[in-house]
ModelCIF file with pLDDT and N, C-alpha, C, O atoms, coordinates in Angstrom:
data_MODEL
#
_entry.id   MODEL 
#
_entity.id                         1 
_entity.type                       polymer 
_entity.pdbx_number_of_molecules   1 
#
_entity_poly.entity_id                      1 
_entity_poly.type                           'polypeptide(L)' 
_entity_poly.nstd_linkage                   no 
_entity_poly.nstd_monomer                   no 
_entity_poly.pdbx_seq_one_letter_code       KSDDPMDKKISVRFTNEEYEILLEYAKNHELSVTQAIKMSLRMNILS 
_entity_poly.pdbx_seq_one_letter_code_can   KSDDPMDKKISVRFTNEEYEILLEYAKNHELSVTQAIKMSLRMNILS 
_entity_poly.pdbx_strand_id                 A 
#
loop_
_entity_poly_seq.entity_id 
_entity_poly_seq.num 
_entity_poly_seq.mon_id 
_entity_poly_seq.hetero 
1 1  LYS n 
1 2  SER n 
1 3  ASP n 
1 4  ASP n 
1 5  PRO n 
1 6  MET n 
1 7  ASP n 
1 8  LYS n 
1 9  LYS n 
1 10 ILE n 
1 11 SER n 
1 12 VAL n 
1 13 ARG n 
1 14 PHE n 
1 15 THR n 
1 16 ASN n 
1 17 GLU n 
1 18 GLU n 
1 19 TYR n 
1 20 GLU n 
1 21 ILE n 
1 22 LEU n 
1 23 LEU n 
1 24 GLU n 
1 25 TYR n 
1 26 ALA n 
1 27 LYS n 
1 28 ASN n 
1 29 HIS n 
1 30 GLU n 
1 31 LEU n 
1 32 SER n 
1 33 VAL n 
1 34 THR n 
1 35 GLN n 
1 36 ALA n 
1 37 ILE n 
1 38 LYS n 
1 39 MET n 
1 40 SER n 
1 41 LEU n 
1 42 ARG n 
1 43 MET n 
1 44 ASN n 
1 45 ILE n 
1 46 LEU n 
1 47 SER n 
#
_struct_asym.id          A 
_struct_asym.entity_id   1 
#
loop_
_ma_qa_metric.id 
_ma_qa_metric.mode 
_ma_qa_metric.name 
_ma_qa_metric.software_group_id 
_ma_qa_metric.type 
1 global pLDDT . pLDDT 
2 local  pLDDT . pLDDT 
#
_ma_qa_metric_global.metric_id      1 
_ma_qa_metric_global.metric_value   93.09 
_ma_qa_metric_global.model_id       1 
_ma_qa_metric_global.ordinal_id     1 
#
loop_
_ma_qa_metric_local.label_asym_id 
_ma_qa_metric_local.label_comp_id 
_ma_qa_metric_local.label_seq_id 
_ma_qa_metric_local.metric_id 
_ma_qa_metric_local.metric_value 
_ma_qa_metric_local.model_id 
_ma_qa_metric_local.ordinal_id 
A LYS 1  2 85.00 1 1  
A SER 2  2 85.00 1 2  
A ASP 3  2 87.00 1 3  
A ASP 4  2 86.00 1 4  
A PRO 5  2 87.00 1 5  
A MET 6  2 86.00 1 6  
A ASP 7  2 89.00 1 7  
A LYS 8  2 92.00 1 8  
A LYS 9  2 93.00 1 9  
A ILE 10 2 93.00 1 10 
A SER 11 2 95.00 1 11 
A VAL 12 2 94.00 1 12 
A ARG 13 2 97.00 1 13 
A PHE 14 2 97.00 1 14 
A THR 15 2 98.00 1 15 
A ASN 16 2 98.00 1 16 
A GLU 17 2 98.00 1 17 
A GLU 18 2 97.00 1 18 
A TYR 19 2 98.00 1 19 
A GLU 20 2 98.00 1 20 
A ILE 21 2 97.00 1 21 
A LEU 22 2 97.00 1 22 
A LEU 23 2 97.00 1 23 
A GLU 24 2 98.00 1 24 
A TYR 25 2 96.00 1 25 
A ALA 26 2 97.00 1 26 
A LYS 27 2 98.00 1 27 
A ASN 28 2 98.00 1 28 
A HIS 29 2 97.00 1 29 
A GLU 30 2 98.00 1 30 
A LEU 31 2 97.00 1 31 
A SER 32 2 97.00 1 32 
A VAL 33 2 96.00 1 33 
A THR 34 2 95.00 1 34 
A GLN 35 2 96.00 1 35 
A ALA 36 2 96.00 1 36 
A ILE 37 2 95.00 1 37 
A LYS 38 2 94.00 1 38 
A MET 39 2 93.00 1 39 
A SER 40 2 92.00 1 40 
A LEU 41 2 90.00 1 41 
A ARG 42 2 89.00 1 42 
A MET 43 2 89.00 1 43 
A ASN 44 2 88.00 1 44 
A ILE 45 2 86.00 1 45 
A LEU 46 2 76.00 1 46 
A SER 47 2 80.00 1 47 
#
loop_
_atom_site.group_PDB 
_atom_site.id 
_atom_site.type_symbol 
_atom_site.label_atom_id 
_atom_site.label_alt_id 
_atom_site.label_comp_id 
_atom_site.label_asym_id 
_atom_site.label_entity_id 
_atom_site.label_seq_id 
_atom_site.pdbx_PDB_ins_code 
_atom_site.Cartn_x 
_atom_site.Cartn_y 
_atom_site.Cartn_z 
_atom_site.occupancy 
_atom_site.B_iso_or_equiv 
_atom_site.pdbx_formal_charge 
_atom_site.auth_seq_id 
_atom_site.auth_comp_id 
_atom_site.auth_asym_id 
_atom_site.auth_atom_id 
_atom_site.pdbx_PDB_model_num 
ATOM 1   N N  . LYS A 1 1  ? 1.953  11.643 -36.178 1.00 85.00 ? 1  LYS A N  1 
ATOM 2   C CA . LYS A 1 1  ? 2.315  13.063 -36.189 1.00 85.00 ? 1  LYS A CA 1 
ATOM 3   C C  . LYS A 1 1  ? 2.501  13.563 -34.762 1.00 85.00 ? 1  LYS A C  1 
ATOM 4   O O  . LYS A 1 1  ? 1.770  13.169 -33.852 1.00 85.00 ? 1  LYS A O  1 
ATOM 5   N N  . SER A 1 2  ? 3.489  14.436 -34.579 1.00 85.00 ? 2  SER A N  1 
ATOM 6   C CA . SER A 1 2  ? 3.782  15.020 -33.277 1.00 85.00 ? 2  SER A CA 1 
ATOM 7   C C  . SER A 1 2  ? 2.886  16.231 -33.028 1.00 85.00 ? 2  SER A C  1 
ATOM 8   O O  . SER A 1 2  ? 2.497  16.924 -33.968 1.00 85.00 ? 2  SER A O  1 
ATOM 9   N N  . ASP A 1 3  ? 2.561  16.483 -31.761 1.00 87.00 ? 3  ASP A N  1 
ATOM 10  C CA . ASP A 1 3  ? 1.789  17.678 -31.402 1.00 87.00 ? 3  ASP A CA 1 
ATOM 11  C C  . ASP A 1 3  ? 2.656  18.932 -31.522 1.00 87.00 ? 3  ASP A C  1 
ATOM 12  O O  . ASP A 1 3  ? 2.142  20.026 -31.755 1.00 87.00 ? 3  ASP A O  1 
ATOM 13  N N  . ASP A 1 4  ? 3.977  18.768 -31.362 1.00 86.00 ? 4  ASP A N  1 
ATOM 14  C CA . ASP A 1 4  ? 4.917  19.884 -31.427 1.00 86.00 ? 4  ASP A CA 1 
ATOM 15  C C  . ASP A 1 4  ? 6.110  19.473 -32.303 1.00 86.00 ? 4  ASP A C  1 
ATOM 16  O O  . ASP A 1 4  ? 7.186  19.175 -31.785 1.00 86.00 ? 4  ASP A O  1 
ATOM 17  N N  . PRO A 1 5  ? 5.920  19.458 -33.622 1.00 87.00 ? 5  PRO A N  1 
ATOM 18  C CA . PRO A 1 5  ? 6.980  18.963 -34.502 1.00 87.00 ? 5  PRO A CA 1 
ATOM 19  C C  . PRO A 1 5  ? 8.219  19.857 -34.482 1.00 87.00 ? 5  PRO A C  1 
ATOM 20  O O  . PRO A 1 5  ? 8.120  21.078 -34.367 1.00 87.00 ? 5  PRO A O  1 
ATOM 21  N N  . MET A 1 6  ? 9.372  19.230 -34.596 1.00 86.00 ? 6  MET A N  1 
ATOM 22  C CA . MET A 1 6  ? 10.634 19.980 -34.660 1.00 86.00 ? 6  MET A CA 1 
ATOM 23  C C  . MET A 1 6  ? 10.993 20.146 -36.136 1.00 86.00 ? 6  MET A C  1 
ATOM 24  O O  . MET A 1 6  ? 11.784 19.380 -36.685 1.00 86.00 ? 6  MET A O  1 
ATOM 25  N N  . ASP A 1 7  ? 10.398 21.158 -36.766 1.00 89.00 ? 7  ASP A N  1 
ATOM 26  C CA . ASP A 1 7  ? 10.607 21.350 -38.186 1.00 89.00 ? 7  ASP A CA 1 
ATOM 27  C C  . ASP A 1 7  ? 11.456 22.579 -38.523 1.00 89.00 ? 7  ASP A C  1 
ATOM 28  O O  . ASP A 1 7  ? 11.606 22.921 -39.696 1.00 89.00 ? 7  ASP A O  1 
ATOM 29  N N  . LYS A 1 8  ? 11.998 23.231 -37.527 1.00 92.00 ? 8  LYS A N  1 
ATOM 30  C CA . LYS A 1 8  ? 12.846 24.405 -37.745 1.00 92.00 ? 8  LYS A CA 1 
ATOM 31  C C  . LYS A 1 8  ? 14.306 23.994 -37.614 1.00 92.00 ? 8  LYS A C  1 
ATOM 32  O O  . LYS A 1 8  ? 14.673 23.283 -36.678 1.00 92.00 ? 8  LYS A O  1 
ATOM 33  N N  . LYS A 1 9  ? 15.137 24.439 -38.548 1.00 93.00 ? 9  LYS A N  1 
ATOM 34  C CA . LYS A 1 9  ? 16.558 24.119 -38.522 1.00 93.00 ? 9  LYS A CA 1 
ATOM 35  C C  . LYS A 1 9  ? 17.363 25.400 -38.541 1.00 93.00 ? 9  LYS A C  1 
ATOM 36  O O  . LYS A 1 9  ? 16.978 26.384 -39.172 1.00 93.00 ? 9  LYS A O  1 
ATOM 37  N N  . ILE A 1 10 ? 18.495 25.377 -37.835 1.00 93.00 ? 10 ILE A N  1 
ATOM 38  C CA . ILE A 1 10 ? 19.423 26.496 -37.869 1.00 93.00 ? 10 ILE A CA 1 
ATOM 39  C C  . ILE A 1 10 ? 20.826 25.946 -38.112 1.00 93.00 ? 10 ILE A C  1 
ATOM 40  O O  . ILE A 1 10 ? 21.084 24.757 -37.926 1.00 93.00 ? 10 ILE A O  1 
ATOM 41  N N  . SER A 1 11 ? 21.708 26.818 -38.522 1.00 95.00 ? 11 SER A N  1 
ATOM 42  C CA . SER A 1 11 ? 23.101 26.450 -38.728 1.00 95.00 ? 11 SER A CA 1 
ATOM 43  C C  . SER A 1 11 ? 23.951 27.429 -37.925 1.00 95.00 ? 11 SER A C  1 
ATOM 44  O O  . SER A 1 11 ? 23.726 28.638 -37.974 1.00 95.00 ? 11 SER A O  1 
ATOM 45  N N  . VAL A 1 12 ? 24.922 26.909 -37.192 1.00 94.00 ? 12 VAL A N  1 
ATOM 46  C CA . VAL A 1 12 ? 25.767 27.745 -36.349 1.00 94.00 ? 12 VAL A CA 1 
ATOM 47  C C  . VAL A 1 12 ? 27.224 27.414 -36.648 1.00 94.00 ? 12 VAL A C  1 
ATOM 48  O O  . VAL A 1 12 ? 27.593 26.244 -36.754 1.00 94.00 ? 12 VAL A O  1 
ATOM 49  N N  . ARG A 1 13 ? 28.038 28.436 -36.781 1.00 97.00 ? 13 ARG A N  1 
ATOM 50  C CA . ARG A 1 13 ? 29.467 28.227 -37.011 1.00 97.00 ? 13 ARG A CA 1 
ATOM 51  C C  . ARG A 1 13 ? 30.219 28.469 -35.702 1.00 97.00 ? 13 ARG A C  1 
ATOM 52  O O  . ARG A 1 13 ? 29.976 29.459 -35.011 1.00 97.00 ? 13 ARG A O  1 
ATOM 53  N N  . PHE A 1 14 ? 31.123 27.564 -35.371 1.00 97.00 ? 14 PHE A N  1 
ATOM 54  C CA . PHE A 1 14 ? 31.921 27.645 -34.156 1.00 97.00 ? 14 PHE A CA 1 
ATOM 55  C C  . PHE A 1 14 ? 33.398 27.721 -34.499 1.00 97.00 ? 14 PHE A C  1 
ATOM 56  O O  . PHE A 1 14 ? 33.832 27.197 -35.525 1.00 97.00 ? 14 PHE A O  1 
ATOM 57  N N  . THR A 1 15 ? 34.166 28.371 -33.645 1.00 98.00 ? 15 THR A N  1 
ATOM 58  C CA . THR A 1 15 ? 35.618 28.279 -33.754 1.00 98.00 ? 15 THR A CA 1 
ATOM 59  C C  . THR A 1 15 ? 36.021 26.900 -33.255 1.00 98.00 ? 15 THR A C  1 
ATOM 60  O O  . THR A 1 15 ? 35.217 26.206 -32.632 1.00 98.00 ? 15 THR A O  1 
ATOM 61  N N  . ASN A 1 16 ? 37.246 26.501 -33.519 1.00 98.00 ? 16 ASN A N  1 
ATOM 62  C CA . ASN A 1 16 ? 37.719 25.211 -33.011 1.00 98.00 ? 16 ASN A CA 1 
ATOM 63  C C  . ASN A 1 16 ? 37.620 25.157 -31.493 1.00 98.00 ? 16 ASN A C  1 
ATOM 64  O O  . ASN A 1 16 ? 37.220 24.139 -30.928 1.00 98.00 ? 16 ASN A O  1 
ATOM 65  N N  . GLU A 1 17 ? 37.984 26.255 -30.833 1.00 98.00 ? 17 GLU A N  1 
ATOM 66  C CA . GLU A 1 17 ? 37.952 26.295 -29.366 1.00 98.00 ? 17 GLU A CA 1 
ATOM 67  C C  . GLU A 1 17 ? 36.526 26.131 -28.847 1.00 98.00 ? 17 GLU A C  1 
ATOM 68  O O  . GLU A 1 17 ? 36.285 25.351 -27.926 1.00 98.00 ? 17 GLU A O  1 
ATOM 69  N N  . GLU A 1 18 ? 35.586 26.860 -29.431 1.00 97.00 ? 18 GLU A N  1 
ATOM 70  C CA . GLU A 1 18 ? 34.189 26.758 -29.008 1.00 97.00 ? 18 GLU A CA 1 
ATOM 71  C C  . GLU A 1 18 ? 33.652 25.347 -29.221 1.00 97.00 ? 18 GLU A C  1 
ATOM 72  O O  . GLU A 1 18 ? 32.952 24.804 -28.365 1.00 97.00 ? 18 GLU A O  1 
ATOM 73  N N  . TYR A 1 19 ? 33.982 24.763 -30.361 1.00 98.00 ? 19 TYR A N  1 
ATOM 74  C CA . TYR A 1 19 ? 33.504 23.424 -30.684 1.00 98.00 ? 19 TYR A CA 1 
ATOM 75  C C  . TYR A 1 19 ? 34.073 22.391 -29.716 1.00 98.00 ? 19 TYR A C  1 
ATOM 76  O O  . TYR A 1 19 ? 33.353 21.499 -29.266 1.00 98.00 ? 19 TYR A O  1 
ATOM 77  N N  . GLU A 1 20 ? 35.345 22.506 -29.397 1.00 98.00 ? 20 GLU A N  1 
ATOM 78  C CA . GLU A 1 20 ? 35.969 21.577 -28.457 1.00 98.00 ? 20 GLU A CA 1 
ATOM 79  C C  . GLU A 1 20 ? 35.354 21.703 -27.066 1.00 98.00 ? 20 GLU A C  1 
ATOM 80  O O  . GLU A 1 20 ? 35.150 20.698 -26.385 1.00 98.00 ? 20 GLU A O  1 
ATOM 81  N N  . ILE A 1 21 ? 35.060 22.927 -26.643 1.00 97.00 ? 21 ILE A N  1 
ATOM 82  C CA . ILE A 1 21 ? 34.400 23.146 -25.353 1.00 97.00 ? 21 ILE A CA 1 
ATOM 83  C C  . ILE A 1 21 ? 33.024 22.484 -25.356 1.00 97.00 ? 21 ILE A C  1 
ATOM 84  O O  . ILE A 1 21 ? 32.649 21.821 -24.390 1.00 97.00 ? 21 ILE A O  1 
ATOM 85  N N  . LEU A 1 22 ? 32.278 22.663 -26.435 1.00 97.00 ? 22 LEU A N  1 
ATOM 86  C CA . LEU A 1 22 ? 30.952 22.060 -26.560 1.00 97.00 ? 22 LEU A CA 1 
ATOM 87  C C  . LEU A 1 22 ? 31.034 20.538 -26.532 1.00 97.00 ? 22 LEU A C  1 
ATOM 88  O O  . LEU A 1 22 ? 30.258 19.890 -25.829 1.00 97.00 ? 22 LEU A O  1 
ATOM 89  N N  . LEU A 1 23 ? 31.965 19.964 -27.288 1.00 97.00 ? 23 LEU A N  1 
ATOM 90  C CA . LEU A 1 23 ? 32.128 18.506 -27.301 1.00 97.00 ? 23 LEU A CA 1 
ATOM 91  C C  . LEU A 1 23 ? 32.497 17.972 -25.921 1.00 97.00 ? 23 LEU A C  1 
ATOM 92  O O  . LEU A 1 23 ? 31.964 16.954 -25.480 1.00 97.00 ? 23 LEU A O  1 
ATOM 93  N N  . GLU A 1 24 ? 33.402 18.656 -25.250 1.00 98.00 ? 24 GLU A N  1 
ATOM 94  C CA . GLU A 1 24 ? 33.835 18.219 -23.917 1.00 98.00 ? 24 GLU A CA 1 
ATOM 95  C C  . GLU A 1 24 ? 32.680 18.275 -22.920 1.00 98.00 ? 24 GLU A C  1 
ATOM 96  O O  . GLU A 1 24 ? 32.498 17.360 -22.116 1.00 98.00 ? 24 GLU A O  1 
ATOM 97  N N  . TYR A 1 25 ? 31.895 19.364 -22.980 1.00 96.00 ? 25 TYR A N  1 
ATOM 98  C CA . TYR A 1 25 ? 30.743 19.500 -22.089 1.00 96.00 ? 25 TYR A CA 1 
ATOM 99  C C  . TYR A 1 25 ? 29.743 18.375 -22.342 1.00 96.00 ? 25 TYR A C  1 
ATOM 100 O O  . TYR A 1 25 ? 29.265 17.737 -21.404 1.00 96.00 ? 25 TYR A O  1 
ATOM 101 N N  . ALA A 1 26 ? 29.434 18.140 -23.603 1.00 97.00 ? 26 ALA A N  1 
ATOM 102 C CA . ALA A 1 26 ? 28.467 17.096 -23.958 1.00 97.00 ? 26 ALA A CA 1 
ATOM 103 C C  . ALA A 1 26 ? 28.967 15.731 -23.495 1.00 97.00 ? 26 ALA A C  1 
ATOM 104 O O  . ALA A 1 26 ? 28.194 14.937 -22.959 1.00 97.00 ? 26 ALA A O  1 
ATOM 105 N N  . LYS A 1 27 ? 30.236 15.456 -23.694 1.00 98.00 ? 27 LYS A N  1 
ATOM 106 C CA . LYS A 1 27 ? 30.808 14.171 -23.283 1.00 98.00 ? 27 LYS A CA 1 
ATOM 107 C C  . LYS A 1 27 ? 30.755 14.013 -21.761 1.00 98.00 ? 27 LYS A C  1 
ATOM 108 O O  . LYS A 1 27 ? 30.359 12.961 -21.259 1.00 98.00 ? 27 LYS A O  1 
ATOM 109 N N  . ASN A 1 28 ? 31.149 15.041 -21.040 1.00 98.00 ? 28 ASN A N  1 
ATOM 110 C CA . ASN A 1 28 ? 31.179 14.974 -19.574 1.00 98.00 ? 28 ASN A CA 1 
ATOM 111 C C  . ASN A 1 28 ? 29.787 14.815 -18.956 1.00 98.00 ? 28 ASN A C  1 
ATOM 112 O O  . ASN A 1 28 ? 29.646 14.243 -17.875 1.00 98.00 ? 28 ASN A O  1 
ATOM 113 N N  . HIS A 1 29 ? 28.778 15.314 -19.636 1.00 97.00 ? 29 HIS A N  1 
ATOM 114 C CA . HIS A 1 29 ? 27.409 15.237 -19.119 1.00 97.00 ? 29 HIS A CA 1 
ATOM 115 C C  . HIS A 1 29 ? 26.572 14.168 -19.825 1.00 97.00 ? 29 HIS A C  1 
ATOM 116 O O  . HIS A 1 29 ? 25.356 14.098 -19.646 1.00 97.00 ? 29 HIS A O  1 
ATOM 117 N N  . GLU A 1 30 ? 27.241 13.340 -20.626 1.00 98.00 ? 30 GLU A N  1 
ATOM 118 C CA . GLU A 1 30 ? 26.580 12.249 -21.361 1.00 98.00 ? 30 GLU A CA 1 
ATOM 119 C C  . GLU A 1 30 ? 25.384 12.749 -22.169 1.00 98.00 ? 30 GLU A C  1 
ATOM 120 O O  . GLU A 1 30 ? 24.286 12.197 -22.097 1.00 98.00 ? 30 GLU A O  1 
ATOM 121 N N  . LEU A 1 31 ? 25.628 13.807 -22.938 1.00 97.00 ? 31 LEU A N  1 
ATOM 122 C CA . LEU A 1 31 ? 24.618 14.409 -23.797 1.00 97.00 ? 31 LEU A CA 1 
ATOM 123 C C  . LEU A 1 31 ? 25.117 14.392 -25.237 1.00 97.00 ? 31 LEU A C  1 
ATOM 124 O O  . LEU A 1 31 ? 26.319 14.313 -25.490 1.00 97.00 ? 31 LEU A O  1 
ATOM 125 N N  . SER A 1 32 ? 24.179 14.467 -26.173 1.00 97.00 ? 32 SER A N  1 
ATOM 126 C CA . SER A 1 32 ? 24.579 14.710 -27.554 1.00 97.00 ? 32 SER A CA 1 
ATOM 127 C C  . SER A 1 32 ? 24.864 16.209 -27.677 1.00 97.00 ? 32 SER A C  1 
ATOM 128 O O  . SER A 1 32 ? 24.481 16.992 -26.808 1.00 97.00 ? 32 SER A O  1 
ATOM 129 N N  . VAL A 1 33 ? 25.528 16.595 -28.746 1.00 96.00 ? 33 VAL A N  1 
ATOM 130 C CA . VAL A 1 33 ? 25.802 18.014 -28.968 1.00 96.00 ? 33 VAL A CA 1 
ATOM 131 C C  . VAL A 1 33 ? 24.478 18.779 -29.080 1.00 96.00 ? 33 VAL A C  1 
ATOM 132 O O  . VAL A 1 33 ? 24.349 19.879 -28.542 1.00 96.00 ? 33 VAL A O  1 
ATOM 133 N N  . THR A 1 34 ? 23.514 18.206 -29.767 1.00 95.00 ? 34 THR A N  1 
ATOM 134 C CA . THR A 1 34 ? 22.204 18.850 -29.900 1.00 95.00 ? 34 THR A CA 1 
ATOM 135 C C  . THR A 1 34 ? 21.547 19.036 -28.541 1.00 95.00 ? 34 THR A C  1 
ATOM 136 O O  . THR A 1 34 ? 21.002 20.102 -28.254 1.00 95.00 ? 34 THR A O  1 
ATOM 137 N N  . GLN A 1 35 ? 21.594 18.006 -27.702 1.00 96.00 ? 35 GLN A N  1 
ATOM 138 C CA . GLN A 1 35 ? 20.999 18.110 -26.368 1.00 96.00 ? 35 GLN A CA 1 
ATOM 139 C C  . GLN A 1 35 ? 21.702 19.193 -25.552 1.00 96.00 ? 35 GLN A C  1 
ATOM 140 O O  . GLN A 1 35 ? 21.042 19.950 -24.840 1.00 96.00 ? 35 GLN A O  1 
ATOM 141 N N  . ALA A 1 36 ? 23.022 19.278 -25.643 1.00 96.00 ? 36 ALA A N  1 
ATOM 142 C CA . ALA A 1 36 ? 23.778 20.286 -24.894 1.00 96.00 ? 36 ALA A CA 1 
ATOM 143 C C  . ALA A 1 36 ? 23.392 21.691 -25.347 1.00 96.00 ? 36 ALA A C  1 
ATOM 144 O O  . ALA A 1 36 ? 23.223 22.584 -24.517 1.00 96.00 ? 36 ALA A O  1 
ATOM 145 N N  . ILE A 1 37 ? 23.250 21.891 -26.649 1.00 95.00 ? 37 ILE A N  1 
ATOM 146 C CA . ILE A 1 37 ? 22.873 23.206 -27.169 1.00 95.00 ? 37 ILE A CA 1 
ATOM 147 C C  . ILE A 1 37 ? 21.457 23.575 -26.735 1.00 95.00 ? 37 ILE A C  1 
ATOM 148 O O  . ILE A 1 37 ? 21.215 24.700 -26.301 1.00 95.00 ? 37 ILE A O  1 
ATOM 149 N N  . LYS A 1 38 ? 20.522 22.632 -26.852 1.00 94.00 ? 38 LYS A N  1 
ATOM 150 C CA . LYS A 1 38 ? 19.134 22.904 -26.455 1.00 94.00 ? 38 LYS A CA 1 
ATOM 151 C C  . LYS A 1 38 ? 19.033 23.182 -24.951 1.00 94.00 ? 38 LYS A C  1 
ATOM 152 O O  . LYS A 1 38 ? 18.293 24.071 -24.529 1.00 94.00 ? 38 LYS A O  1 
ATOM 153 N N  . MET A 1 39 ? 19.775 22.422 -24.149 1.00 93.00 ? 39 MET A N  1 
ATOM 154 C CA . MET A 1 39 ? 19.766 22.630 -22.708 1.00 93.00 ? 39 MET A CA 1 
ATOM 155 C C  . MET A 1 39 ? 20.309 24.019 -22.373 1.00 93.00 ? 39 MET A C  1 
ATOM 156 O O  . MET A 1 39 ? 19.753 24.718 -21.526 1.00 93.00 ? 39 MET A O  1 
ATOM 157 N N  . SER A 1 40 ? 21.385 24.414 -23.035 1.00 92.00 ? 40 SER A N  1 
ATOM 158 C CA . SER A 1 40 ? 21.965 25.735 -22.810 1.00 92.00 ? 40 SER A CA 1 
ATOM 159 C C  . SER A 1 40 ? 20.979 26.834 -23.195 1.00 92.00 ? 40 SER A C  1 
ATOM 160 O O  . SER A 1 40 ? 20.858 27.840 -22.497 1.00 92.00 ? 40 SER A O  1 
ATOM 161 N N  . LEU A 1 41 ? 20.285 26.640 -24.293 1.00 90.00 ? 41 LEU A N  1 
ATOM 162 C CA . LEU A 1 41 ? 19.263 27.597 -24.718 1.00 90.00 ? 41 LEU A CA 1 
ATOM 163 C C  . LEU A 1 41 ? 18.202 27.761 -23.645 1.00 90.00 ? 41 LEU A C  1 
ATOM 164 O O  . LEU A 1 41 ? 17.861 28.878 -23.254 1.00 90.00 ? 41 LEU A O  1 
ATOM 165 N N  . ARG A 1 42 ? 17.681 26.629 -23.170 1.00 89.00 ? 42 ARG A N  1 
ATOM 166 C CA . ARG A 1 42 ? 16.636 26.697 -22.138 1.00 89.00 ? 42 ARG A CA 1 
ATOM 167 C C  . ARG A 1 42 ? 17.152 27.363 -20.860 1.00 89.00 ? 42 ARG A C  1 
ATOM 168 O O  . ARG A 1 42 ? 16.470 28.211 -20.285 1.00 89.00 ? 42 ARG A O  1 
ATOM 169 N N  . MET A 1 43 ? 18.344 26.985 -20.418 1.00 89.00 ? 43 MET A N  1 
ATOM 170 C CA . MET A 1 43 ? 18.884 27.502 -19.159 1.00 89.00 ? 43 MET A CA 1 
ATOM 171 C C  . MET A 1 43 ? 19.213 28.986 -19.242 1.00 89.00 ? 43 MET A C  1 
ATOM 172 O O  . MET A 1 43 ? 18.950 29.727 -18.294 1.00 89.00 ? 43 MET A O  1 
ATOM 173 N N  . ASN A 1 44 ? 19.777 29.430 -20.347 1.00 88.00 ? 44 ASN A N  1 
ATOM 174 C CA . ASN A 1 44 ? 20.289 30.798 -20.432 1.00 88.00 ? 44 ASN A CA 1 
ATOM 175 C C  . ASN A 1 44 ? 19.312 31.798 -21.025 1.00 88.00 ? 44 ASN A C  1 
ATOM 176 O O  . ASN A 1 44 ? 19.183 32.904 -20.500 1.00 88.00 ? 44 ASN A O  1 
ATOM 177 N N  . ILE A 1 45 ? 18.645 31.461 -22.061 1.00 86.00 ? 45 ILE A N  1 
ATOM 178 C CA . ILE A 1 45 ? 17.785 32.426 -22.734 1.00 86.00 ? 45 ILE A CA 1 
ATOM 179 C C  . ILE A 1 45 ? 16.367 32.387 -22.189 1.00 86.00 ? 45 ILE A C  1 
ATOM 180 O O  . ILE A 1 45 ? 15.823 33.415 -21.786 1.00 86.00 ? 45 ILE A O  1 
ATOM 181 N N  . LEU A 1 46 ? 15.773 31.215 -22.177 1.00 76.00 ? 46 LEU A N  1 
ATOM 182 C CA . LEU A 1 46 ? 14.367 31.124 -21.772 1.00 76.00 ? 46 LEU A CA 1 
ATOM 183 C C  . LEU A 1 46 ? 14.165 31.450 -20.306 1.00 76.00 ? 46 LEU A C  1 
ATOM 184 O O  . LEU A 1 46 ? 13.103 31.953 -19.937 1.00 76.00 ? 46 LEU A O  1 
ATOM 185 N N  . SER A 1 47 ? 15.153 31.180 -19.450 1.00 80.00 ? 47 SER A N  1 
ATOM 186 C CA . SER A 1 47 ? 15.007 31.474 -18.033 1.00 80.00 ? 47 SER A CA 1 
ATOM 187 C C  . SER A 1 47 ? 15.007 32.979 -17.754 1.00 80.00 ? 47 SER A C  1 
ATOM 188 O O  . SER A 1 47 ? 14.892 33.393 -16.601 1.00 80.00 ? 47 SER A O  1 
#
């Protein structure tokens, strides 16, 4: 068992343009889409 389980799920709808931007960013930075979204959350909201 994890000390901090990831048991919360969300669903987000993107336009084609937004999705392509996200995919390109993730590819250029060698991240998964999930990692790119989580990193953006930490950098923009939590900071």
